[in-house]
């Protein structure tokens, strides 16, 4: 069944199409099988296959066969690749960029996005997010957290606002900001990102 247009960037024909393009264009050095895309994005294999067929036929993706596996990747020679990558970086980029910049922080158990960007990602319509709120769970060095946020902000072109909470604060629900973050949360590092995606689709 076709998914509705994505709330983050409703110019695409469906949420599935936008997420597949984001997965591949924002990681242009990587190839993925259809099964990997299905698993990572929590989209049925049939839906992945249908979208990939359209995107390959329009030259936005390229594919090759290795045994029984069909590998797909971004077609960077497409005239639309650069513009699409810029659009997807602005909308879906926080999921990739923040994960990359925060991944090396010692003492970090989990990183989640919350606030307006997370709500759009989960399918709630509204104005374009002006920033990305990020909660780092664990006991990282706070200076390193802010440095990672500054690097992500430079790459994304929008403010990245980090907060830090201990694992016990995250689990005990005694903090109003933690409760807000849990309501909107999209896991970026640690946790189960696919659970967050599924919850967003169920809510849509």
Protein backbone atom coordinates (compact mmCIF):
# COMPACT_ATOMS: atom_id res chain seq x y z
CA UNK A 1 0.00 0.00 0.00
CA UNK A 2 1.34 3.42 -0.94
CA UNK A 3 2.37 5.55 2.02
CA UNK A 4 1.35 9.23 2.16
CA UNK A 5 3.74 12.00 1.19
CA UNK A 6 6.40 12.55 3.87
CA UNK A 7 5.74 15.36 6.36
CA UNK A 8 9.43 16.31 6.33
CA UNK A 9 9.54 16.92 2.58
CA UNK A 10 6.17 16.38 0.87
CA UNK A 11 7.52 16.78 -2.67
CA UNK A 12 8.13 13.03 -2.91
CA UNK A 13 5.46 10.59 -4.06
CA UNK A 14 5.59 8.62 -0.82
CA UNK A 15 7.31 8.30 2.53
CA UNK A 16 8.91 5.05 1.38
CA UNK A 17 10.45 6.69 -1.66
CA UNK A 18 11.88 9.56 0.38
CA UNK A 19 13.40 7.25 2.97
CA UNK A 20 14.97 4.95 0.37
CA UNK A 21 16.49 7.93 -1.44
CA UNK A 22 17.73 9.38 1.85
CA UNK A 23 19.29 6.07 2.88
CA UNK A 24 21.23 5.79 -0.39
CA UNK A 25 21.97 9.40 -1.38
CA UNK A 26 23.17 10.37 2.09
CA UNK A 27 25.51 7.36 2.12
CA UNK A 28 26.67 7.46 -1.50
CA UNK A 29 29.66 5.19 -0.89
CA UNK A 30 27.41 2.32 0.22
CA UNK A 31 25.45 -0.33 -1.64
CA UNK A 32 22.50 -2.16 -0.11
CA UNK A 33 20.42 -5.18 -1.01
CA UNK A 34 16.66 -4.89 -1.12
CA UNK A 35 16.48 -7.07 1.99
CA UNK A 36 18.85 -4.72 3.84
CA UNK A 37 16.76 -1.70 2.86
CA UNK A 38 13.62 -3.52 4.00
CA UNK A 39 15.19 -4.37 7.35
CA UNK A 40 16.90 -1.04 8.01
CA UNK A 41 13.92 1.10 7.01
CA UNK A 42 11.17 -1.25 8.25
CA UNK A 43 9.51 -1.29 4.82
CA UNK A 44 8.17 -4.47 3.24
CA UNK A 45 10.38 -6.09 0.60
CA UNK A 46 7.56 -5.73 -1.93
CA UNK A 47 7.31 -1.99 -1.29
CA UNK A 48 11.10 -1.60 -1.49
CA UNK A 49 11.13 -3.50 -4.77
CA UNK A 50 8.41 -1.30 -6.27
CA UNK A 51 10.13 1.95 -5.29
CA UNK A 52 13.57 0.74 -6.38
CA UNK A 53 12.16 -0.20 -9.79
CA UNK A 54 10.87 3.35 -10.26
CA UNK A 55 14.07 4.95 -9.02
CA UNK A 56 16.36 2.79 -11.14
CA UNK A 57 14.24 3.36 -14.25
CA UNK A 58 14.47 7.12 -13.65
CA UNK A 59 18.28 6.84 -13.23
CA UNK A 60 18.27 8.14 -9.65
CA UNK A 61 19.60 4.78 -8.46
CA UNK A 62 21.79 2.20 -10.16
CA UNK A 63 21.82 -1.53 -9.53
CA UNK A 64 23.86 -4.65 -10.15
CA UNK A 65 23.51 -8.35 -9.47
CA UNK A 66 25.81 -10.42 -7.27
CA UNK A 67 24.50 -13.96 -7.32
CA UNK A 68 20.89 -13.78 -6.21
CA UNK A 69 21.32 -10.41 -4.57
CA UNK A 70 20.37 -7.15 -6.23
CA UNK A 71 22.57 -4.33 -4.97
CA UNK A 72 21.46 -0.72 -5.34
CA UNK A 73 23.25 2.55 -4.76
CA UNK A 74 22.89 6.24 -5.54
CA UNK A 75 23.56 7.16 -9.15
CA UNK A 76 25.83 10.15 -8.63
CA UNK A 77 26.06 10.76 -12.37
CA UNK A 78 22.37 11.69 -12.44
CA UNK A 79 21.88 15.41 -13.01
CA UNK A 80 19.40 15.45 -10.14
CA UNK A 81 21.70 13.73 -7.61
CA UNK A 82 23.32 16.85 -6.18
CA UNK A 83 20.08 18.80 -5.78
CA UNK A 84 18.29 15.79 -4.27
CA UNK A 85 21.16 15.20 -1.85
CA UNK A 86 20.94 18.81 -0.66
CA UNK A 87 17.19 18.54 -0.15
CA UNK A 88 17.47 15.23 1.67
CA UNK A 89 20.30 16.55 3.85
CA UNK A 90 18.05 19.38 5.01
CA UNK A 91 15.12 17.07 5.74
CA UNK A 92 16.36 13.55 6.52
CA UNK A 93 20.01 14.47 7.04
CA UNK A 94 19.89 14.77 10.84
CA UNK A 95 19.35 11.01 11.13
CA UNK A 96 22.59 10.32 9.24
CA UNK A 97 24.75 13.34 10.10
CA UNK A 98 24.07 13.44 13.85
CA UNK A 99 24.64 9.69 14.13
CA UNK A 100 28.01 10.11 12.43
CA UNK A 101 29.15 13.08 14.50
CA UNK A 102 28.02 11.69 17.87
CA UNK A 103 29.12 8.09 17.27
CA UNK A 104 32.59 8.46 18.80
CA UNK A 105 31.53 9.99 22.13
CA UNK A 106 32.75 7.88 25.02
CA UNK A 107 30.17 7.21 27.73
CA UNK A 108 27.22 7.59 25.36
CA UNK A 109 24.53 4.91 25.62
CA UNK A 110 21.99 6.37 23.23
CA UNK A 111 21.25 9.48 21.18
CA UNK A 112 17.68 10.46 20.27
CA UNK A 113 16.16 13.33 18.36
CA UNK A 114 12.99 14.94 19.67
CA UNK A 115 11.03 18.13 19.10
CA UNK A 116 9.74 19.44 15.77
CA UNK A 117 12.17 17.57 13.49
CA UNK A 118 11.36 14.25 15.19
CA UNK A 119 7.62 14.93 14.96
CA UNK A 120 7.89 15.62 11.23
CA UNK A 121 9.96 12.47 10.82
CA UNK A 122 7.25 10.52 12.62
CA UNK A 123 4.66 11.90 10.20
CA UNK A 124 3.12 14.89 11.98
CA UNK A 125 2.49 17.71 9.50
CA UNK A 126 3.49 21.27 10.25
CA UNK A 127 6.01 23.97 9.48
CA UNK A 128 9.53 23.13 8.38
CA UNK A 129 11.70 22.41 11.46
CA UNK A 130 14.00 25.31 12.32
CA UNK A 131 16.38 23.19 14.40
CA UNK A 132 17.02 19.69 15.72
CA UNK A 133 16.79 18.85 19.42
CA UNK A 134 19.07 16.01 20.48
CA UNK A 135 19.25 14.18 23.79
CA UNK A 136 22.43 12.28 24.63
CA UNK A 137 21.84 9.56 27.21
CA UNK A 138 24.73 8.37 29.36
CA UNK A 139 27.75 10.10 30.87
CA UNK A 140 29.67 11.68 28.00
CA UNK A 141 32.06 14.61 28.22
CA UNK A 142 29.80 17.62 27.77
CA UNK A 143 32.40 19.64 25.87
CA UNK A 144 32.67 16.80 23.35
CA UNK A 145 28.89 16.71 23.04
CA UNK A 146 28.76 20.40 22.16
CA UNK A 147 31.66 20.02 19.71
CA UNK A 148 29.81 17.16 17.99
CA UNK A 149 26.67 19.30 17.81
CA UNK A 150 28.64 22.16 16.23
CA UNK A 151 30.08 19.83 13.59
CA UNK A 152 26.62 18.47 12.79
CA UNK A 153 25.22 21.99 12.65
CA UNK A 154 27.82 23.07 10.11
CA UNK A 155 27.03 20.10 7.90
CA UNK A 156 23.25 20.44 8.16
CA UNK A 157 22.96 24.20 8.02
CA UNK A 158 20.47 24.30 10.91
CA UNK A 159 20.99 24.56 14.69
CA UNK A 160 21.53 21.32 16.62
CA UNK A 161 20.57 21.70 20.28
CA UNK A 162 22.05 18.99 22.53
CA UNK A 163 21.09 18.09 26.08
CA UNK A 164 22.58 15.35 28.25
CA UNK A 165 20.70 13.06 30.61
CA UNK A 166 21.96 10.10 32.63
CA UNK A 167 20.70 6.60 31.97
CA UNK A 168 18.86 6.63 35.31
CA UNK A 169 17.13 9.93 34.46
CA UNK A 170 16.05 8.48 31.10
CA UNK A 171 14.66 5.32 32.68
CA UNK A 172 12.94 6.87 35.71
CA UNK A 173 10.69 9.38 33.90
CA UNK A 174 11.09 11.95 36.65
CA UNK A 175 12.31 14.68 34.29
CA UNK A 176 9.79 16.71 32.27
CA UNK A 177 12.20 17.08 29.34
CA UNK A 178 12.84 13.33 29.31
CA UNK A 179 9.09 12.72 29.10
CA UNK A 180 8.86 15.15 26.18
CA UNK A 181 11.80 13.52 24.43
CA UNK A 182 10.36 10.04 24.89
CA UNK A 183 7.06 11.11 23.37
CA UNK A 184 8.73 12.31 20.17
CA UNK A 185 11.90 10.21 20.19
CA UNK A 186 13.56 9.03 17.01
CA UNK A 187 16.60 6.91 17.88
CA UNK A 188 19.75 8.06 16.12
CA UNK A 189 22.31 5.95 17.99
CA UNK A 190 21.63 3.02 20.27
CA UNK A 191 18.11 1.88 21.02
CA UNK A 192 16.01 0.44 18.20
CA UNK A 193 15.65 2.89 15.35
CA UNK A 194 13.24 0.57 13.57
CA UNK A 195 10.90 0.68 16.56
CA UNK A 196 10.85 4.46 16.31
CA UNK A 197 10.14 4.32 12.59
CA UNK A 198 7.36 1.78 13.08
CA UNK A 199 5.77 3.93 15.75
CA UNK A 200 5.85 6.91 13.40
CA UNK A 201 4.15 4.94 10.64
CA UNK A 202 1.51 3.60 13.01
CA UNK A 203 0.74 7.13 14.16
CA UNK A 204 0.45 8.53 10.64
